[in-house]
Amino acid sequence: MNPEEEHHPQQSEAGESQQGHSPTPHEDAQPGVYDDLAHQPPYSAQYHDPNQAYVDPVSPAPPESHAAGVYDGAQAPQPVSQPASAGIPRRRAPRKVTKKKIVTRRTGGVSRRGGAPSRKTPHQRPSTTYGGGGVMNVFIGLIGIAMLVLVIMVLLPKDLSGIAGYPANLLDNSEPRNLLSEAQGVMVSQSEEVVISESDLNAYINHRIQGQQGGLMGAIVAFDGVYVDLLPNGGEVYVLRNFFGIPVTLTSRFRAESFRYQMRYEVVEFTIGKISMGSGNIKPVIDLFGRIKGALQEEEYTLNQLGEIRFEANQMILSSKI
């Protein structure tokens, strides 16, 4: 055989197309029965199935290859039967989610979003009560009662009915006895004695102090009255003040004694109303008596020059005898 003929097949002389031949009738075809293969159009033997790929008769497709080889005698593995539930995916059990409650502390009166203050009142822990009232409430109540009693005792006036010359008649235009000139006469003579009654002393003091209350400072040094209760070896000075229409009585009791022809005075007790302050007192009260002393500076200087002053009940005796 010519090698060229082996690779190039001869074409028919009649010029037949090699695209395909109409198939012969099916051997099993029965008369009167429609045969699908027998009624195919010519030249459609290679295209009877539209899903079948086109195969060229001149260069057919290569044979199928086997990975195991032609002479591989190993047996194919037996298929493993899987359980019926193998194809069904397993469902995982749902996780148990626990939500943690976040507790945040907020300032009272401030909203959660940081906007305007909320109208709700912040929660307050209830206060523990004992017997219907807290301990602090009882303590505050006791303090209030004590302060009320203190105010009442301060406002209670003392009985001044036993003082001669009380109350002083400030509307009387008559001049009282001039005790300053009499004391100065005793100081110069050094041999006389002058007796001053309690009523004359109180009339002179109130007249003298009222004359010192004029001007812009009158409201500071003004007094409702100053009275002296003369006692043996001493006396007690009463100062009447008025605070917002409420009378208040301040007193200072003193003791007097003569030592080497000089008089010594010692404060024994201060009182505010009915309250005794002892020998000491608060600064406003001490300043009050200091203003009275400043209004009677001339009288104070004259009395300090006398050798002896004797205090008796309702009277005092000025003497300069040596």
Protein backbone atom coordinates (compact mmCIF):
# COMPACT_ATOMS: atom_id res chain seq x y z
CA MET A 1 0.00 0.00 0.00
CA ASN A 2 1.14 3.43 -0.93
CA PRO A 3 1.79 5.49 2.16
CA GLU A 4 0.09 8.49 0.66
CA GLU A 5 -3.06 6.46 0.26
CA GLU A 6 -2.93 5.52 3.91
CA HIS A 7 -3.17 9.12 5.07
CA HIS A 8 -5.31 10.46 2.26
CA PRO A 9 -8.36 8.34 1.52
CA GLN A 10 -9.57 8.26 -2.03
CA GLN A 11 -12.51 10.28 -3.07
CA SER A 12 -15.26 8.66 -5.08
CA GLU A 13 -15.43 9.47 -8.68
CA ALA A 14 -19.06 10.31 -8.66
CA GLY A 15 -18.22 13.17 -6.26
CA GLU A 16 -20.19 11.82 -3.32
CA SER A 17 -20.24 13.90 -0.25
CA GLN A 18 -18.56 12.30 2.74
CA GLN A 19 -20.52 14.26 5.25
CA GLY A 20 -22.74 11.22 6.01
CA HIS A 21 -25.10 8.61 4.63
CA SER A 22 -28.75 8.14 5.33
CA PRO A 23 -29.23 5.16 7.55
CA THR A 24 -31.00 2.08 6.45
CA PRO A 25 -34.36 1.33 7.85
CA HIS A 26 -34.32 -0.11 11.33
CA GLU A 27 -34.32 -3.84 11.36
CA ASP A 28 -36.94 -4.08 14.05
CA ALA A 29 -39.24 -1.59 12.37
CA GLN A 30 -42.74 -2.94 11.99
CA PRO A 31 -45.07 -2.02 9.21
CA GLY A 32 -47.52 0.71 10.14
CA VAL A 33 -45.36 1.97 13.06
CA TYR A 34 -43.62 5.32 12.93
CA ASP A 35 -39.87 4.92 13.03
CA ASP A 36 -37.96 8.01 14.09
CA LEU A 37 -34.71 6.80 12.56
CA ALA A 38 -36.32 5.93 9.23
CA HIS A 39 -37.78 9.39 8.75
CA GLN A 40 -34.65 11.41 9.40
CA PRO A 41 -33.63 13.73 6.56
CA PRO A 42 -30.60 12.77 4.49
CA TYR A 43 -27.13 13.82 5.60
CA SER A 44 -28.32 14.11 9.18
CA ALA A 45 -26.87 10.93 10.55
CA GLN A 46 -24.25 12.83 12.52
CA TYR A 47 -26.70 15.48 13.80
CA HIS A 48 -29.63 13.48 15.11
CA ASP A 49 -28.98 14.70 18.65
CA PRO A 50 -28.68 18.49 19.02
CA ASN A 51 -26.78 17.98 22.30
CA GLN A 52 -24.23 15.70 20.66
CA ALA A 53 -20.94 17.31 19.68
CA TYR A 54 -19.86 17.35 16.07
CA VAL A 55 -17.39 14.61 15.13
CA ASP A 56 -15.33 15.01 11.99
CA PRO A 57 -15.19 11.62 10.12
CA VAL A 58 -11.86 12.54 8.53
CA SER A 59 -10.10 13.20 11.89
CA PRO A 60 -12.03 11.36 14.59
CA ALA A 61 -11.58 12.12 18.31
CA PRO A 62 -8.76 10.26 20.11
CA PRO A 63 -9.72 7.27 22.21
CA GLU A 64 -10.34 7.72 25.93
CA SER A 65 -7.31 7.35 28.14
CA HIS A 66 -7.25 5.55 31.46
CA ALA A 67 -5.08 6.78 34.27
CA ALA A 68 -4.52 3.24 35.50
CA GLY A 69 -3.22 1.99 32.17
CA VAL A 70 -4.31 -0.78 29.88
CA TYR A 71 -2.54 -3.55 31.79
CA ASP A 72 -3.58 -2.37 35.29
CA GLY A 73 -5.14 -5.37 36.93
CA ALA A 74 -6.05 -3.68 40.22
CA GLN A 75 -9.64 -3.93 41.16
CA ALA A 76 -11.66 -0.79 41.53
CA PRO A 77 -12.51 0.05 45.16
CA GLN A 78 -15.92 -0.96 46.30
CA PRO A 79 -18.23 1.96 46.91
CA VAL A 80 -18.77 2.59 50.59
CA SER A 81 -22.38 2.82 51.54
CA GLN A 82 -23.14 5.93 53.53
CA PRO A 83 -25.92 6.16 56.06
CA ALA A 84 -29.13 7.80 55.07
CA SER A 85 -28.40 10.75 57.29
CA ALA A 86 -24.92 11.32 55.84
CA GLY A 87 -26.10 13.73 53.19
CA ILE A 88 -28.11 15.83 55.62
CA PRO A 89 -25.98 18.52 57.31
CA ARG A 90 -26.10 18.49 61.05
CA ARG A 91 -27.64 21.45 62.78
CA ARG A 92 -25.63 22.96 65.59
CA ALA A 93 -27.38 23.60 68.84
CA PRO A 94 -28.01 27.32 69.27
CA ARG A 95 -25.67 29.05 71.68
CA LYS A 96 -27.13 30.30 74.88
CA VAL A 97 -26.53 34.02 74.88
CA THR A 98 -26.62 35.72 78.25
CA LYS A 99 -27.01 39.46 78.24
CA LYS A 100 -25.10 41.26 80.95
CA LYS A 101 -26.86 44.19 82.43
CA ILE A 102 -24.58 47.21 82.40
CA VAL A 103 -25.16 49.42 85.39
CA THR A 104 -24.05 52.99 84.97
CA ARG A 105 -24.20 55.64 87.63
CA ARG A 106 -25.57 58.96 86.59
CA THR A 107 -25.58 62.27 88.32
CA GLY A 108 -28.98 63.22 89.67
CA GLY A 109 -31.01 65.39 87.35
CA VAL A 110 -28.97 64.58 84.20
CA SER A 111 -30.53 62.68 81.28
CA ARG A 112 -28.90 59.62 79.67
CA ARG A 113 -28.09 61.37 76.42
CA GLY A 114 -26.35 64.22 78.18
CA GLY A 115 -29.02 66.75 77.26
CA ALA A 116 -31.18 68.87 79.47
CA PRO A 117 -31.69 67.75 83.07
CA SER A 118 -34.40 65.17 83.47
CA ARG A 119 -37.49 65.97 85.43
CA LYS A 120 -37.39 62.75 87.38
CA THR A 121 -36.10 62.98 90.91
CA PRO A 122 -33.09 60.71 91.51
CA HIS A 123 -33.68 57.74 93.72
CA GLN A 124 -32.86 58.37 97.34
CA ARG A 125 -32.24 55.75 99.93
CA PRO A 126 -34.94 55.86 102.61
CA SER A 127 -33.70 57.13 105.94
CA THR A 128 -33.91 54.91 108.97
CA THR A 129 -36.17 56.23 111.65
CA TYR A 130 -36.34 55.28 115.28
CA GLY A 131 -39.59 55.73 117.09
CA GLY A 132 -41.10 58.06 114.49
CA GLY A 133 -38.10 60.44 114.14
CA GLY A 134 -34.44 60.33 113.31
CA VAL A 135 -31.72 60.79 115.90
CA MET A 136 -30.52 63.89 114.10
CA ASN A 137 -34.02 65.38 114.15
CA VAL A 138 -34.25 64.82 117.88
CA PHE A 139 -30.84 66.42 118.39
CA ILE A 140 -31.78 69.47 116.29
CA GLY A 141 -35.04 69.76 118.18
CA LEU A 142 -33.23 69.81 121.51
CA ILE A 143 -30.88 72.52 120.25
CA GLY A 144 -33.84 74.58 119.06
CA ILE A 145 -35.57 74.25 122.42
CA ALA A 146 -32.38 75.28 124.26
CA MET A 147 -31.98 78.35 122.05
CA LEU A 148 -35.61 79.30 122.59
CA VAL A 149 -35.21 79.07 126.36
CA LEU A 150 -32.02 81.13 126.11
CA VAL A 151 -33.76 83.88 124.15
CA ILE A 152 -36.65 83.95 126.61
CA MET A 153 -34.26 84.27 129.55
CA VAL A 154 -32.40 87.11 127.82
CA LEU A 155 -35.60 89.00 127.10
CA LEU A 156 -36.98 88.62 130.60
CA PRO A 157 -36.40 92.00 132.31
CA LYS A 158 -35.20 92.30 135.85
CA ASP A 159 -37.27 93.84 138.59
CA LEU A 160 -36.10 97.45 139.01
CA SER A 161 -38.89 98.53 141.33
CA GLY A 162 -36.54 98.51 144.34
CA ILE A 163 -34.20 101.11 142.78
CA ALA A 164 -34.80 104.67 143.93
CA GLY A 165 -35.31 107.12 141.08
CA TYR A 166 -36.59 104.50 138.60
CA PRO A 167 -37.89 105.35 136.10
CA ALA A 168 -36.25 108.70 135.50
CA ASN A 169 -38.49 111.55 134.36
CA LEU A 170 -36.72 112.70 131.22
CA LEU A 171 -39.43 115.27 130.44
CA ASP A 172 -38.66 117.25 133.60
CA ASN A 173 -36.76 120.36 132.55
CA SER A 174 -35.55 121.11 136.07
CA GLU A 175 -31.81 120.74 136.62
CA PRO A 176 -30.83 117.85 138.91
CA ARG A 177 -28.37 118.18 141.74
CA ASN A 178 -24.86 119.00 140.45
CA LEU A 179 -22.92 116.13 141.96
CA LEU A 180 -19.75 116.86 139.98
CA SER A 181 -19.24 120.29 141.56
CA GLU A 182 -19.89 118.89 145.06
CA ALA A 183 -17.33 116.11 144.55
CA GLN A 184 -14.76 118.61 143.32
CA GLY A 185 -15.35 120.75 146.46
CA VAL A 186 -14.71 117.75 148.68
CA MET A 187 -11.53 116.98 146.75
CA VAL A 188 -10.21 120.54 147.29
CA SER A 189 -11.17 121.00 150.97
CA GLN A 190 -9.87 117.61 152.16
CA SER A 191 -12.00 117.92 155.26
CA GLU A 192 -15.60 117.66 154.12
CA GLU A 193 -17.94 114.77 153.45
CA VAL A 194 -20.85 114.68 151.00
CA VAL A 195 -23.74 112.20 151.17
CA ILE A 196 -25.36 111.30 147.81
CA SER A 197 -28.66 109.44 147.79
CA GLU A 198 -29.54 106.75 145.27
CA SER A 199 -32.36 108.78 143.68
CA ASP A 200 -30.12 111.86 143.23
CA LEU A 201 -27.38 109.71 141.70
CA ASN A 202 -29.73 108.08 139.14
CA ALA A 203 -31.31 111.40 138.18
CA TYR A 204 -27.86 112.95 137.59
CA ILE A 205 -26.52 109.99 135.56
CA ASN A 206 -29.53 109.81 133.19
CA HIS A 207 -29.50 113.57 132.68
CA ARG A 208 -25.77 113.48 131.96
CA ILE A 209 -25.92 110.54 129.52
CA GLN A 210 -28.90 111.93 127.62
CA GLY A 211 -26.87 115.05 126.93
CA GLN A 212 -24.13 112.91 125.34
CA GLN A 213 -26.43 111.19 122.79
CA GLY A 214 -26.69 113.91 120.16
CA GLY A 215 -25.08 113.91 116.72
CA LEU A 216 -24.40 111.08 114.28
CA MET A 217 -23.14 108.76 117.04
CA GLY A 218 -26.29 109.13 119.09
CA ALA A 219 -27.71 105.84 117.86
CA ILE A 220 -24.60 103.99 119.04
CA VAL A 221 -24.37 105.44 122.56
CA ALA A 222 -28.10 105.78 123.12
CA PHE A 223 -29.58 104.01 126.14
CA ASP A 224 -33.08 103.73 127.50
CA GLY A 225 -31.69 104.34 130.96
CA VAL A 226 -28.76 103.72 133.32
CA TYR A 227 -29.48 103.10 137.00
CA VAL A 228 -27.29 102.26 139.99
CA ASP A 229 -28.49 100.14 142.91
CA LEU A 230 -26.26 101.09 145.86
CA LEU A 231 -25.39 98.20 148.18
CA PRO A 232 -23.09 97.84 151.18
CA ASN A 233 -19.46 97.78 149.96
CA GLY A 234 -20.49 97.96 146.35
CA GLY A 235 -23.37 98.30 143.96
CA GLU A 236 -24.94 97.08 140.72
CA VAL A 237 -25.25 99.07 137.49
CA TYR A 238 -28.31 98.45 135.27
CA VAL A 239 -28.19 99.36 131.59
CA LEU A 240 -31.48 99.33 129.70
CA ARG A 241 -31.25 98.89 125.92
CA ASN A 242 -33.85 98.49 123.22
CA PHE A 243 -33.26 96.11 120.28
CA PHE A 244 -35.96 96.42 117.60
CA GLY A 245 -38.54 97.42 120.20
CA ILE A 246 -37.61 94.63 122.62
CA PRO A 247 -36.14 95.82 125.96
CA VAL A 248 -32.98 94.06 127.17
CA THR A 249 -31.43 94.55 130.62
CA LEU A 250 -27.65 94.29 131.13
CA THR A 251 -26.12 94.49 134.61
CA SER A 252 -22.69 94.64 136.18
CA ARG A 253 -22.24 94.08 139.92
CA PHE A 254 -19.03 95.37 141.49
CA ARG A 255 -17.29 95.41 144.83
CA ALA A 256 -15.41 98.49 146.18
CA GLU A 257 -12.76 98.75 148.89
CA SER A 258 -10.26 101.36 150.07
CA PHE A 259 -6.56 100.53 150.23
CA ARG A 260 -3.98 103.14 151.31
CA TYR A 261 -6.31 106.05 150.56
CA GLN A 262 -7.13 104.71 147.08
CA MET A 263 -10.32 103.07 145.87
CA ARG A 264 -10.24 99.70 144.14
CA TYR A 265 -13.17 98.30 142.16
CA GLU A 266 -13.65 94.70 141.10
CA VAL A 267 -16.37 93.29 138.84
CA VAL A 268 -18.12 90.36 140.49
CA GLU A 269 -20.78 89.35 137.97
CA PHE A 270 -22.20 90.26 134.55
CA THR A 271 -25.75 89.36 133.58
CA ILE A 272 -27.75 89.50 130.35
CA GLY A 273 -31.41 89.36 131.23
CA LYS A 274 -31.76 86.38 133.56
CA ILE A 275 -28.52 84.75 132.39
CA SER A 276 -25.44 85.11 134.57
CA MET A 277 -22.12 85.38 132.69
CA GLY A 278 -19.84 85.36 135.76
CA SER A 279 -16.97 87.80 136.07
CA GLY A 280 -16.29 87.63 132.32
CA ASN A 281 -18.49 88.75 129.48
CA ILE A 282 -18.65 89.01 125.72
CA LYS A 283 -16.95 91.92 124.00
CA PRO A 284 -20.13 93.78 122.85
CA VAL A 285 -21.36 93.97 126.46
CA ILE A 286 -17.97 95.10 127.76
CA ASP A 287 -17.81 97.77 125.04
CA LEU A 288 -21.26 98.94 126.12
CA PHE A 289 -20.10 99.65 129.66
CA GLY A 290 -16.94 101.21 128.24
CA ARG A 291 -19.04 103.77 126.34
CA ILE A 292 -20.87 104.69 129.55
CA LYS A 293 -17.54 105.19 131.29
CA GLY A 294 -16.36 107.38 128.40
CA ALA A 295 -19.43 109.62 128.77
CA LEU A 296 -18.58 110.21 132.44
CA GLN A 297 -14.84 110.85 132.19
CA GLU A 298 -14.85 113.99 134.38
CA GLU A 299 -16.77 112.25 137.16
CA GLU A 300 -14.42 109.27 137.01
CA TYR A 301 -11.34 111.48 137.35
CA THR A 302 -12.77 113.33 140.38
CA LEU A 303 -13.74 110.14 142.22
CA ASN A 304 -10.26 108.68 141.71
CA GLN A 305 -8.80 111.73 143.51
CA LEU A 306 -10.85 111.15 146.65
CA GLY A 307 -9.27 109.25 149.51
CA GLU A 308 -12.37 107.27 150.50
CA ILE A 309 -15.84 106.43 149.15
CA ARG A 310 -18.14 104.44 151.38
CA PHE A 311 -21.00 102.51 149.81
CA GLU A 312 -24.07 101.87 151.94
CA ALA A 313 -27.65 100.82 151.24
CA ASN A 314 -29.31 103.46 149.02
CA GLN A 315 -26.54 106.01 149.54
CA MET A 316 -22.82 106.71 149.08
CA ILE A 317 -20.49 109.00 151.11
CA LEU A 318 -17.64 110.96 149.53
CA SER A 319 -14.78 111.82 151.89
CA SER A 320 -11.26 113.21 151.52
CA LYS A 321 -10.21 113.03 155.17
CA ILE A 322 -6.75 111.70 155.80
